[in-house]
Amino acid sequence: MVGGGNVAMDAARTALRLGADKVYIVYRRSMEELPARKEEVEHAQEEGIDFRLLNNPVEILGYRNPDNPRDPKNGCVEAIRCIRMELGEPDEKGRRRPVAIPGSEFILDVDTVIMAIGTSPNPLIKNTTEGLEVNRWGGIIVNEENLTSREGIYAGGDVVTGSATVISAMGAGKIAAQGIDDYLSK
C-alpha cells in the first residue's frame, strides 16, 4: 500500500483480512506526518501492518521472460524499487518536505501494489505501466467494465474520473470487481 491516509490504512487492513500474507504501508514521511487519523494508524499497527516510513517507491518491477513472451507471469508485479527519504524544510502546508537520500535505493518484494495517495492520478502509474492509456489529465482510460488498455488490469474511482464522491468510487469498484471475476473465470 503506497500512501499514509485513511484510505491507505483501510485498504491495508482489508487486504490483510482478505488473506494477504504480508501488507506494507510505504510512506515518504515519518509517523508524525501521516495524514491518517491516529486511531486508524493504531488499528493498522495492532492488526500487523508493516510500516515502511521515510521510503518512497520509484519503480514498480514486473516479471519478464524474454525467452517466452507468452509466459503467463509476464507483466505481473514482482517488487517495487524504493528510495529512503529524510525530512527537510517544511513545505507550503507546514509539513517537513521529504528529500531522497542518494544511493539508498532498495527492492521490496511484493506481488501487488495499491496506490492510495491523493485524488489526482499518480504519474508513477502511467510512467511505469507500458501500454496504459491515459487522458490529458493523467486519468486512466477504462471501458464499461473498468478494464484499462492493458489486459487484466482494472481501475476505478478518482484515478479514472478525477476527484469524485466515495459512493462513485464504490460503484466503480463493484463494476471492476465483476469484470475481474469474469476475467479470472475465463
N, C-alpha and C. Protein backbone atom coordinates (compact mmCIF):
# COMPACT_ATOMS: atom_id res chain seq x y z
N MET A 1 0.85 -1.16 0.00
CA MET A 1 0.00 0.00 0.00
C MET A 1 0.90 1.22 0.00
N VAL A 2 0.75 2.07 -0.99
CA VAL A 2 1.54 3.29 -1.05
C VAL A 2 0.64 4.44 -0.63
N GLY A 3 0.98 5.09 0.48
CA GLY A 3 0.21 6.21 0.98
C GLY A 3 0.12 6.16 2.49
N GLY A 4 -0.33 7.26 3.08
CA GLY A 4 -0.40 7.34 4.53
C GLY A 4 -1.70 7.88 5.06
N GLY A 5 -2.72 7.95 4.21
CA GLY A 5 -4.00 8.49 4.64
C GLY A 5 -4.95 7.40 5.13
N ASN A 6 -6.16 7.83 5.47
CA ASN A 6 -7.17 6.90 5.96
C ASN A 6 -7.50 5.80 4.96
N VAL A 7 -7.53 6.15 3.68
CA VAL A 7 -7.83 5.15 2.64
C VAL A 7 -6.73 4.09 2.61
N ALA A 8 -5.48 4.51 2.73
CA ALA A 8 -4.37 3.55 2.73
C ALA A 8 -4.47 2.62 3.93
N MET A 9 -4.81 3.17 5.11
CA MET A 9 -4.95 2.34 6.31
C MET A 9 -6.08 1.32 6.13
N ASP A 10 -7.20 1.79 5.64
CA ASP A 10 -8.36 0.93 5.45
C ASP A 10 -8.07 -0.16 4.42
N ALA A 11 -7.48 0.22 3.30
CA ALA A 11 -7.18 -0.76 2.26
C ALA A 11 -6.15 -1.79 2.74
N ALA A 12 -5.16 -1.35 3.49
CA ALA A 12 -4.14 -2.27 4.01
C ALA A 12 -4.77 -3.27 4.98
N ARG A 13 -5.60 -2.78 5.88
CA ARG A 13 -6.25 -3.66 6.86
C ARG A 13 -7.19 -4.63 6.16
N THR A 14 -7.89 -4.16 5.15
CA THR A 14 -8.79 -5.02 4.39
C THR A 14 -8.01 -6.11 3.66
N ALA A 15 -6.89 -5.75 3.04
CA ALA A 15 -6.06 -6.74 2.35
C ALA A 15 -5.61 -7.83 3.31
N LEU A 16 -5.21 -7.44 4.50
CA LEU A 16 -4.78 -8.41 5.50
C LEU A 16 -5.92 -9.34 5.89
N ARG A 17 -7.09 -8.77 6.11
CA ARG A 17 -8.26 -9.57 6.48
C ARG A 17 -8.69 -10.50 5.36
N LEU A 18 -8.42 -10.11 4.12
CA LEU A 18 -8.81 -10.95 2.99
C LEU A 18 -7.77 -12.02 2.67
N GLY A 19 -6.71 -12.09 3.47
CA GLY A 19 -5.78 -13.20 3.33
C GLY A 19 -4.39 -12.87 2.85
N ALA A 20 -4.04 -11.61 2.68
CA ALA A 20 -2.67 -11.27 2.28
C ALA A 20 -1.71 -11.74 3.36
N ASP A 21 -0.60 -12.34 2.95
CA ASP A 21 0.40 -12.83 3.90
C ASP A 21 1.08 -11.69 4.64
N LYS A 22 1.41 -10.65 3.91
CA LYS A 22 2.15 -9.52 4.47
C LYS A 22 1.66 -8.26 3.78
N VAL A 23 1.40 -7.23 4.55
CA VAL A 23 0.95 -5.95 3.98
C VAL A 23 1.86 -4.85 4.51
N TYR A 24 2.36 -4.05 3.58
CA TYR A 24 3.21 -2.92 3.92
C TYR A 24 2.47 -1.61 3.67
N ILE A 25 2.72 -0.62 4.50
CA ILE A 25 2.37 0.77 4.21
C ILE A 25 3.70 1.42 3.87
N VAL A 26 3.85 1.90 2.65
CA VAL A 26 5.06 2.60 2.23
C VAL A 26 4.70 4.08 2.15
N TYR A 27 5.36 4.88 2.97
CA TYR A 27 5.04 6.30 3.05
C TYR A 27 6.33 7.11 3.13
N ARG A 28 6.36 8.23 2.43
CA ARG A 28 7.59 9.00 2.28
C ARG A 28 7.93 9.92 3.44
N ARG A 29 7.03 10.04 4.39
CA ARG A 29 7.31 10.85 5.57
C ARG A 29 7.34 9.95 6.80
N SER A 30 7.49 10.56 7.98
CA SER A 30 7.58 9.79 9.23
C SER A 30 6.19 9.60 9.84
N MET A 31 6.13 8.87 10.93
CA MET A 31 4.87 8.60 11.63
C MET A 31 4.16 9.89 12.03
N GLU A 32 4.92 10.89 12.44
CA GLU A 32 4.33 12.15 12.88
C GLU A 32 3.61 12.88 11.74
N GLU A 33 4.00 12.66 10.51
CA GLU A 33 3.40 13.36 9.37
C GLU A 33 2.29 12.55 8.68
N LEU A 34 2.04 11.33 9.13
CA LEU A 34 0.98 10.54 8.50
C LEU A 34 -0.33 11.32 8.54
N PRO A 35 -1.01 11.46 7.40
CA PRO A 35 -2.27 12.20 7.41
C PRO A 35 -3.46 11.41 7.94
N ALA A 36 -3.32 10.11 8.09
CA ALA A 36 -4.42 9.28 8.60
C ALA A 36 -4.73 9.62 10.06
N ARG A 37 -5.98 9.38 10.44
CA ARG A 37 -6.36 9.58 11.84
C ARG A 37 -5.54 8.65 12.73
N LYS A 38 -5.20 9.13 13.90
CA LYS A 38 -4.37 8.39 14.85
C LYS A 38 -4.97 7.00 15.13
N GLU A 39 -6.29 6.94 15.28
CA GLU A 39 -6.96 5.65 15.58
C GLU A 39 -6.78 4.66 14.43
N GLU A 40 -6.84 5.17 13.20
CA GLU A 40 -6.67 4.30 12.03
C GLU A 40 -5.26 3.69 12.01
N VAL A 41 -4.27 4.53 12.32
CA VAL A 41 -2.88 4.06 12.35
C VAL A 41 -2.69 3.03 13.46
N GLU A 42 -3.24 3.31 14.64
CA GLU A 42 -3.12 2.38 15.76
C GLU A 42 -3.76 1.04 15.44
N HIS A 43 -4.95 1.07 14.82
CA HIS A 43 -5.62 -0.18 14.46
C HIS A 43 -4.79 -0.96 13.43
N ALA A 44 -4.22 -0.25 12.47
CA ALA A 44 -3.38 -0.92 11.46
C ALA A 44 -2.17 -1.57 12.12
N GLN A 45 -1.56 -0.88 13.05
CA GLN A 45 -0.41 -1.45 13.77
C GLN A 45 -0.82 -2.68 14.57
N GLU A 46 -1.96 -2.59 15.26
CA GLU A 46 -2.46 -3.71 16.06
C GLU A 46 -2.73 -4.94 15.20
N GLU A 47 -3.18 -4.71 13.97
CA GLU A 47 -3.50 -5.83 13.08
C GLU A 47 -2.28 -6.39 12.37
N GLY A 48 -1.12 -5.76 12.54
CA GLY A 48 0.11 -6.32 11.98
C GLY A 48 0.58 -5.72 10.67
N ILE A 49 0.06 -4.56 10.29
CA ILE A 49 0.55 -3.89 9.09
C ILE A 49 1.99 -3.45 9.34
N ASP A 50 2.86 -3.69 8.36
CA ASP A 50 4.28 -3.35 8.44
C ASP A 50 4.49 -1.96 7.83
N PHE A 51 4.81 -0.98 8.67
CA PHE A 51 5.00 0.40 8.21
C PHE A 51 6.43 0.59 7.73
N ARG A 52 6.59 0.98 6.47
CA ARG A 52 7.89 1.32 5.89
C ARG A 52 7.90 2.83 5.66
N LEU A 53 8.23 3.55 6.72
CA LEU A 53 8.18 5.00 6.70
C LEU A 53 9.50 5.58 6.19
N LEU A 54 9.42 6.85 5.74
CA LEU A 54 10.57 7.52 5.14
C LEU A 54 11.13 6.71 3.98
N ASN A 55 10.20 6.13 3.21
CA ASN A 55 10.53 5.38 2.00
C ASN A 55 9.57 5.83 0.90
N ASN A 56 10.05 5.88 -0.31
CA ASN A 56 9.20 6.30 -1.42
C ASN A 56 9.44 5.36 -2.61
N PRO A 57 8.38 4.80 -3.18
CA PRO A 57 8.57 3.94 -4.35
C PRO A 57 8.96 4.78 -5.57
N VAL A 58 9.88 4.27 -6.36
CA VAL A 58 10.29 4.97 -7.57
C VAL A 58 10.01 4.15 -8.83
N GLU A 59 9.77 2.84 -8.65
CA GLU A 59 9.51 1.99 -9.81
C GLU A 59 8.79 0.72 -9.38
N ILE A 60 7.80 0.33 -10.17
CA ILE A 60 7.15 -0.96 -9.97
C ILE A 60 7.84 -1.93 -10.91
N LEU A 61 8.34 -3.03 -10.36
CA LEU A 61 9.09 -4.00 -11.15
C LEU A 61 8.22 -5.19 -11.50
N GLY A 62 8.18 -5.52 -12.77
CA GLY A 62 7.37 -6.64 -13.24
C GLY A 62 8.23 -7.76 -13.78
N TYR A 63 7.68 -8.94 -13.78
CA TYR A 63 8.36 -10.13 -14.29
C TYR A 63 8.42 -10.06 -15.81
N ARG A 64 9.54 -10.43 -16.38
CA ARG A 64 9.71 -10.50 -17.83
C ARG A 64 10.49 -11.76 -18.18
N ASN A 65 9.96 -12.55 -19.08
CA ASN A 65 10.65 -13.73 -19.58
C ASN A 65 10.89 -13.51 -21.07
N PRO A 66 12.07 -13.00 -21.45
CA PRO A 66 12.33 -12.70 -22.86
C PRO A 66 12.34 -13.94 -23.74
N ASP A 67 12.58 -15.13 -23.14
CA ASP A 67 12.61 -16.37 -23.91
C ASP A 67 11.21 -16.91 -24.20
N ASN A 68 10.22 -16.43 -23.44
CA ASN A 68 8.85 -16.90 -23.64
C ASN A 68 7.89 -15.74 -23.47
N PRO A 69 7.59 -15.03 -24.57
CA PRO A 69 6.68 -13.89 -24.46
C PRO A 69 5.26 -14.27 -24.04
N ARG A 70 4.93 -15.54 -24.10
CA ARG A 70 3.59 -15.99 -23.69
C ARG A 70 3.55 -16.49 -22.25
N ASP A 71 4.67 -16.36 -21.55
CA ASP A 71 4.71 -16.76 -20.15
C ASP A 71 3.62 -16.00 -19.40
N PRO A 72 2.70 -16.70 -18.71
CA PRO A 72 1.59 -16.01 -18.04
C PRO A 72 2.04 -15.08 -16.91
N LYS A 73 3.27 -15.23 -16.43
CA LYS A 73 3.77 -14.35 -15.38
C LYS A 73 4.28 -13.02 -15.93
N ASN A 74 4.47 -12.94 -17.26
CA ASN A 74 4.96 -11.69 -17.85
C ASN A 74 4.05 -10.53 -17.48
N GLY A 75 4.65 -9.48 -16.97
CA GLY A 75 3.90 -8.29 -16.60
C GLY A 75 3.38 -8.30 -15.17
N CYS A 76 3.46 -9.43 -14.49
CA CYS A 76 2.99 -9.49 -13.10
C CYS A 76 3.98 -8.75 -12.18
N VAL A 77 3.45 -8.11 -11.16
CA VAL A 77 4.29 -7.38 -10.21
C VAL A 77 5.16 -8.36 -9.43
N GLU A 78 6.45 -8.02 -9.31
CA GLU A 78 7.37 -8.82 -8.50
C GLU A 78 7.91 -8.04 -7.31
N ALA A 79 8.04 -6.72 -7.48
CA ALA A 79 8.68 -5.91 -6.43
C ALA A 79 8.47 -4.44 -6.74
N ILE A 80 8.84 -3.61 -5.77
CA ILE A 80 8.94 -2.17 -6.02
C ILE A 80 10.33 -1.72 -5.60
N ARG A 81 10.87 -0.82 -6.40
CA ARG A 81 12.15 -0.19 -6.05
C ARG A 81 11.79 1.06 -5.25
N CYS A 82 12.37 1.17 -4.08
CA CYS A 82 12.12 2.32 -3.20
C CYS A 82 13.42 3.07 -2.95
N ILE A 83 13.27 4.28 -2.49
CA ILE A 83 14.42 5.07 -2.06
C ILE A 83 14.11 5.59 -0.66
N ARG A 84 15.12 5.59 0.18
CA ARG A 84 14.95 6.11 1.55
C ARG A 84 14.90 7.64 1.50
N MET A 85 14.14 8.21 2.42
CA MET A 85 13.94 9.65 2.47
C MET A 85 14.38 10.18 3.83
N GLU A 86 14.64 11.48 3.86
CA GLU A 86 14.84 12.18 5.12
C GLU A 86 13.99 13.44 5.05
N LEU A 87 13.65 13.99 6.19
CA LEU A 87 12.79 15.17 6.21
C LEU A 87 13.63 16.44 6.14
N GLY A 88 13.27 17.29 5.19
CA GLY A 88 13.96 18.56 5.02
C GLY A 88 13.12 19.70 5.57
N GLU A 89 13.19 20.84 4.91
CA GLU A 89 12.46 22.03 5.32
C GLU A 89 10.96 21.85 5.12
N PRO A 90 10.14 22.56 5.89
CA PRO A 90 8.69 22.45 5.74
C PRO A 90 8.21 22.94 4.36
N ASP A 91 7.14 22.29 3.85
CA ASP A 91 6.54 22.72 2.59
C ASP A 91 5.50 23.80 2.86
N GLU A 92 4.73 24.16 1.84
CA GLU A 92 3.75 25.25 1.97
C GLU A 92 2.65 24.94 2.97
N LYS A 93 2.45 23.66 3.29
CA LYS A 93 1.44 23.27 4.29
C LYS A 93 2.04 23.15 5.69
N GLY A 94 3.34 23.39 5.81
CA GLY A 94 3.98 23.31 7.11
C GLY A 94 4.55 21.95 7.45
N ARG A 95 4.32 20.96 6.57
CA ARG A 95 4.88 19.63 6.80
C ARG A 95 6.30 19.59 6.24
N ARG A 96 7.20 18.93 6.97
CA ARG A 96 8.58 18.84 6.50
C ARG A 96 8.63 18.05 5.20
N ARG A 97 9.28 18.62 4.23
CA ARG A 97 9.36 18.05 2.88
C ARG A 97 10.29 16.82 2.86
N PRO A 98 9.82 15.69 2.28
CA PRO A 98 10.69 14.52 2.17
C PRO A 98 11.74 14.75 1.07
N VAL A 99 12.96 14.37 1.37
CA VAL A 99 14.08 14.53 0.43
C VAL A 99 14.74 13.16 0.27
N ALA A 100 14.92 12.75 -0.98
CA ALA A 100 15.55 11.45 -1.26
C ALA A 100 17.00 11.43 -0.80
N ILE A 101 17.42 10.30 -0.26
CA ILE A 101 18.80 10.10 0.15
C ILE A 101 19.52 9.40 -1.01
N PRO A 102 20.43 10.08 -1.68
CA PRO A 102 21.12 9.48 -2.83
C PRO A 102 21.79 8.16 -2.47
N GLY A 103 21.66 7.19 -3.37
CA GLY A 103 22.31 5.89 -3.19
C GLY A 103 21.62 4.97 -2.21
N SER A 104 20.41 5.31 -1.77
CA SER A 104 19.75 4.49 -0.75
C SER A 104 18.64 3.59 -1.31
N GLU A 105 18.61 3.40 -2.61
CA GLU A 105 17.55 2.59 -3.21
C GLU A 105 17.64 1.14 -2.76
N PHE A 106 16.48 0.51 -2.66
CA PHE A 106 16.41 -0.90 -2.29
C PHE A 106 15.16 -1.50 -2.93
N ILE A 107 15.10 -2.81 -2.94
CA ILE A 107 13.99 -3.55 -3.53
C ILE A 107 13.14 -4.14 -2.41
N LEU A 108 11.83 -3.95 -2.52
CA LEU A 108 10.87 -4.55 -1.59
C LEU A 108 10.04 -5.56 -2.39
N ASP A 109 10.17 -6.84 -2.05
CA ASP A 109 9.44 -7.88 -2.77
C ASP A 109 7.96 -7.83 -2.43
N VAL A 110 7.14 -7.63 -3.45
CA VAL A 110 5.68 -7.59 -3.30
C VAL A 110 5.07 -8.23 -4.54
N ASP A 111 3.82 -8.63 -4.46
CA ASP A 111 3.15 -9.15 -5.65
C ASP A 111 1.94 -8.32 -6.05
N THR A 112 1.65 -7.28 -5.28
CA THR A 112 0.55 -6.37 -5.58
C THR A 112 0.95 -4.99 -5.07
N VAL A 113 0.59 -3.96 -5.84
CA VAL A 113 0.83 -2.58 -5.41
C VAL A 113 -0.49 -1.83 -5.53
N ILE A 114 -0.90 -1.20 -4.44
CA ILE A 114 -2.10 -0.37 -4.46
C ILE A 114 -1.66 1.05 -4.11
N MET A 115 -1.98 1.98 -5.01
CA MET A 115 -1.65 3.38 -4.80
C MET A 115 -2.83 4.03 -4.09
N ALA A 116 -2.63 4.49 -2.87
CA ALA A 116 -3.69 5.15 -2.10
C ALA A 116 -3.19 6.53 -1.70
N ILE A 117 -2.96 7.34 -2.72
CA ILE A 117 -2.35 8.65 -2.48
C ILE A 117 -3.11 9.73 -3.23
N GLY A 118 -3.77 10.59 -2.51
CA GLY A 118 -4.41 11.75 -3.09
C GLY A 118 -5.56 11.43 -4.03
N THR A 119 -6.07 12.48 -4.67
CA THR A 119 -7.21 12.30 -5.56
C THR A 119 -6.86 12.53 -7.02
N SER A 120 -5.63 12.88 -7.32
CA SER A 120 -5.23 13.01 -8.71
C SER A 120 -4.31 11.84 -9.04
N PRO A 121 -4.37 11.38 -10.28
CA PRO A 121 -3.58 10.20 -10.65
C PRO A 121 -2.09 10.43 -10.43
N ASN A 122 -1.44 9.44 -9.86
CA ASN A 122 0.00 9.49 -9.65
C ASN A 122 0.68 9.18 -10.97
N PRO A 123 1.60 10.04 -11.42
CA PRO A 123 2.28 9.78 -12.70
C PRO A 123 3.12 8.51 -12.69
N LEU A 124 3.45 8.00 -11.51
CA LEU A 124 4.21 6.76 -11.42
C LEU A 124 3.48 5.62 -12.12
N ILE A 125 2.16 5.61 -12.03
CA ILE A 125 1.38 4.53 -12.63
C ILE A 125 1.53 4.55 -14.14
N LYS A 126 1.27 5.68 -14.79
CA LYS A 126 1.35 5.74 -16.26
C LYS A 126 2.79 5.63 -16.75
N ASN A 127 3.74 6.10 -15.96
CA ASN A 127 5.14 6.07 -16.38
C ASN A 127 5.78 4.70 -16.24
N THR A 128 5.20 3.82 -15.44
CA THR A 128 5.80 2.50 -15.22
C THR A 128 4.94 1.36 -15.76
N THR A 129 3.79 1.68 -16.34
CA THR A 129 2.90 0.64 -16.85
C THR A 129 2.80 0.79 -18.36
N GLU A 130 3.62 0.04 -19.06
CA GLU A 130 3.68 0.11 -20.51
C GLU A 130 2.32 -0.20 -21.14
N GLY A 131 1.91 0.62 -22.09
CA GLY A 131 0.67 0.38 -22.82
C GLY A 131 -0.59 0.85 -22.11
N LEU A 132 -0.45 1.51 -20.98
CA LEU A 132 -1.62 2.00 -20.24
C LEU A 132 -2.04 3.35 -20.82
N GLU A 133 -3.26 3.41 -21.35
CA GLU A 133 -3.75 4.65 -21.95
C GLU A 133 -4.33 5.57 -20.87
N VAL A 134 -3.94 6.84 -20.95
CA VAL A 134 -4.44 7.85 -20.02
C VAL A 134 -4.94 9.05 -20.81
N ASN A 135 -5.81 9.84 -20.18
CA ASN A 135 -6.30 11.06 -20.82
C ASN A 135 -5.33 12.20 -20.57
N ARG A 136 -5.65 13.40 -21.03
CA ARG A 136 -4.71 14.51 -20.93
C ARG A 136 -4.45 14.96 -19.50
N TRP A 137 -5.31 14.57 -18.55
CA TRP A 137 -5.11 14.91 -17.13
C TRP A 137 -4.39 13.78 -16.38
N GLY A 138 -4.06 12.71 -17.09
CA GLY A 138 -3.39 11.58 -16.46
C GLY A 138 -4.34 10.54 -15.92
N GLY A 139 -5.66 10.75 -16.10
CA GLY A 139 -6.65 9.77 -15.66
C GLY A 139 -6.60 8.54 -16.54
N ILE A 140 -6.74 7.38 -15.94
CA ILE A 140 -6.68 6.12 -16.68
C ILE A 140 -7.97 5.93 -17.48
N ILE A 141 -7.83 5.57 -18.73
CA ILE A 141 -8.98 5.33 -19.61
C ILE A 141 -9.42 3.88 -19.44
N VAL A 142 -10.72 3.68 -19.20
CA VAL A 142 -11.28 2.34 -18.99
C VAL A 142 -12.51 2.14 -19.87
N ASN A 143 -12.91 0.87 -20.02
CA ASN A 143 -14.16 0.58 -20.74
C ASN A 143 -15.30 0.46 -19.73
N GLU A 144 -16.45 -0.05 -20.18
CA GLU A 144 -17.63 -0.11 -19.31
C GLU A 144 -17.46 -1.09 -18.14
N GLU A 145 -16.48 -2.00 -18.22
CA GLU A 145 -16.20 -2.92 -17.10
C GLU A 145 -15.03 -2.43 -16.25
N ASN A 146 -14.56 -1.21 -16.52
CA ASN A 146 -13.40 -0.61 -15.85
C ASN A 146 -12.09 -1.30 -16.19
N LEU A 147 -12.07 -1.99 -17.35
CA LEU A 147 -10.84 -2.60 -17.86
C LEU A 147 -10.02 -1.51 -18.55
N THR A 148 -8.74 -1.45 -18.24
CA THR A 148 -7.85 -0.48 -18.87
C THR A 148 -7.42 -1.00 -20.23
N SER A 149 -6.51 -0.30 -20.86
CA SER A 149 -5.96 -0.74 -22.15
C SER A 149 -5.02 -1.93 -22.00
N ARG A 150 -4.72 -2.31 -20.77
CA ARG A 150 -3.88 -3.48 -20.50
C ARG A 150 -4.74 -4.65 -20.06
N GLU A 151 -4.56 -5.79 -20.68
CA GLU A 151 -5.33 -6.98 -20.33
C GLU A 151 -5.14 -7.33 -18.86
N GLY A 152 -6.27 -7.54 -18.16
CA GLY A 152 -6.25 -7.97 -16.77
C GLY A 152 -6.00 -6.86 -15.76
N ILE A 153 -5.90 -5.61 -16.21
CA ILE A 153 -5.69 -4.50 -15.29
C ILE A 153 -6.92 -3.61 -15.30
N TYR A 154 -7.52 -3.45 -14.12
CA TYR A 154 -8.75 -2.68 -13.97
C TYR A 154 -8.48 -1.46 -13.10
N ALA A 155 -9.31 -0.43 -13.27
CA ALA A 155 -9.16 0.79 -12.48
C ALA A 155 -10.53 1.40 -12.25
N GLY A 156 -10.65 2.16 -11.17
CA GLY A 156 -11.89 2.84 -10.88
C GLY A 156 -11.66 3.92 -9.85
N GLY A 157 -12.64 4.79 -9.70
CA GLY A 157 -12.55 5.86 -8.72
C GLY A 157 -11.81 7.07 -9.26
N ASP A 158 -11.17 7.80 -8.36
CA ASP A 158 -10.54 9.07 -8.70
C ASP A 158 -9.47 8.95 -9.78
N VAL A 159 -8.80 7.80 -9.86
CA VAL A 159 -7.74 7.63 -10.85
C VAL A 159 -8.32 7.59 -12.27
N VAL A 160 -9.63 7.37 -12.38
CA VAL A 160 -10.32 7.36 -13.67
C VAL A 160 -11.09 8.66 -13.88
N THR A 161 -11.87 9.05 -12.88
CA THR A 161 -12.80 10.18 -13.03
C THR A 161 -12.26 11.51 -12.53
N GLY A 162 -11.19 11.48 -11.78
CA GLY A 162 -10.77 12.67 -11.06
C GLY A 162 -11.52 12.70 -9.74
N SER A 163 -11.34 13.72 -8.99
CA SER A 163 -11.93 13.80 -7.66
C SER A 163 -13.45 13.67 -7.74
N ALA A 164 -14.00 12.70 -7.02
CA ALA A 164 -15.44 12.45 -7.03
C ALA A 164 -15.87 11.95 -5.66
N THR A 165 -17.08 11.46 -5.57
CA THR A 165 -17.61 11.01 -4.28
C THR A 165 -17.16 9.59 -3.96
N VAL A 166 -17.21 9.25 -2.69
CA VAL A 166 -16.88 7.89 -2.25
C VAL A 166 -17.86 6.91 -2.87
N ILE A 167 -19.12 7.28 -2.95
CA ILE A 167 -20.13 6.37 -3.49
C ILE A 167 -19.84 6.05 -4.95
N SER A 168 -19.34 7.04 -5.71
CA SER A 168 -18.96 6.79 -7.11
C SER A 168 -17.79 5.81 -7.18
N ALA A 169 -16.82 6.00 -6.30
CA ALA A 169 -15.66 5.10 -6.28
C ALA A 169 -16.09 3.69 -5.89
N MET A 170 -17.02 3.58 -4.95
CA MET A 170 -17.52 2.26 -4.55
C MET A 170 -18.23 1.59 -5.72
N GLY A 171 -19.02 2.36 -6.47
CA GLY A 171 -19.70 1.81 -7.64
C GLY A 171 -18.70 1.34 -8.69
N ALA A 172 -17.65 2.13 -8.90
CA ALA A 172 -16.61 1.75 -9.86
C ALA A 172 -15.90 0.48 -9.38
N GLY A 173 -15.67 0.38 -8.08
CA GLY A 173 -15.04 -0.82 -7.53
C GLY A 173 -15.90 -2.06 -7.75
N LYS A 174 -17.20 -1.91 -7.59
CA LYS A 174 -18.11 -3.02 -7.80
C LYS A 174 -18.09 -3.47 -9.27
N ILE A 175 -18.12 -2.51 -10.18
CA ILE A 175 -18.07 -2.84 -11.61
C ILE A 175 -16.74 -3.52 -11.95
N ALA A 176 -15.64 -2.97 -11.44
CA ALA A 176 -14.32 -3.55 -11.70
C ALA A 176 -14.22 -4.95 -11.11
N ALA A 177 -14.77 -5.15 -9.91
CA ALA A 177 -14.72 -6.48 -9.27
C ALA A 177 -15.45 -7.51 -10.13
N GLN A 178 -16.59 -7.12 -10.69
CA GLN A 178 -17.32 -8.04 -11.57
C GLN A 178 -16.50 -8.34 -12.83
N GLY A 179 -15.87 -7.31 -13.39
CA GLY A 179 -15.02 -7.50 -14.55
C GLY A 179 -13.84 -8.41 -14.25
N ILE A 180 -13.23 -8.23 -13.09
CA ILE A 180 -12.10 -9.08 -12.69
C ILE A 180 -12.57 -10.52 -12.51
N ASP A 181 -13.72 -10.69 -11.86
CA ASP A 181 -14.26 -12.04 -11.67
C ASP A 181 -14.51 -12.71 -13.02
N ASP A 182 -15.11 -11.99 -13.95
CA ASP A 182 -15.37 -12.53 -15.29
C ASP A 182 -14.05 -12.89 -15.97
N TYR A 183 -13.07 -12.01 -15.87
CA TYR A 183 -11.76 -12.24 -16.49
C TYR A 183 -11.09 -13.49 -15.92
N LEU A 184 -11.08 -13.61 -14.60
CA LEU A 184 -10.42 -14.75 -13.96
C LEU A 184 -11.19 -16.06 -14.16
N SER A 185 -12.48 -15.97 -14.41
CA SER A 185 -13.31 -17.17 -14.61
C SER A 185 -13.11 -17.77 -16.01
N LYS A 186 -12.54 -17.00 -16.92
CA LYS A 186 -12.37 -17.49 -18.31
C LYS A 186 -11.17 -18.38 -18.43
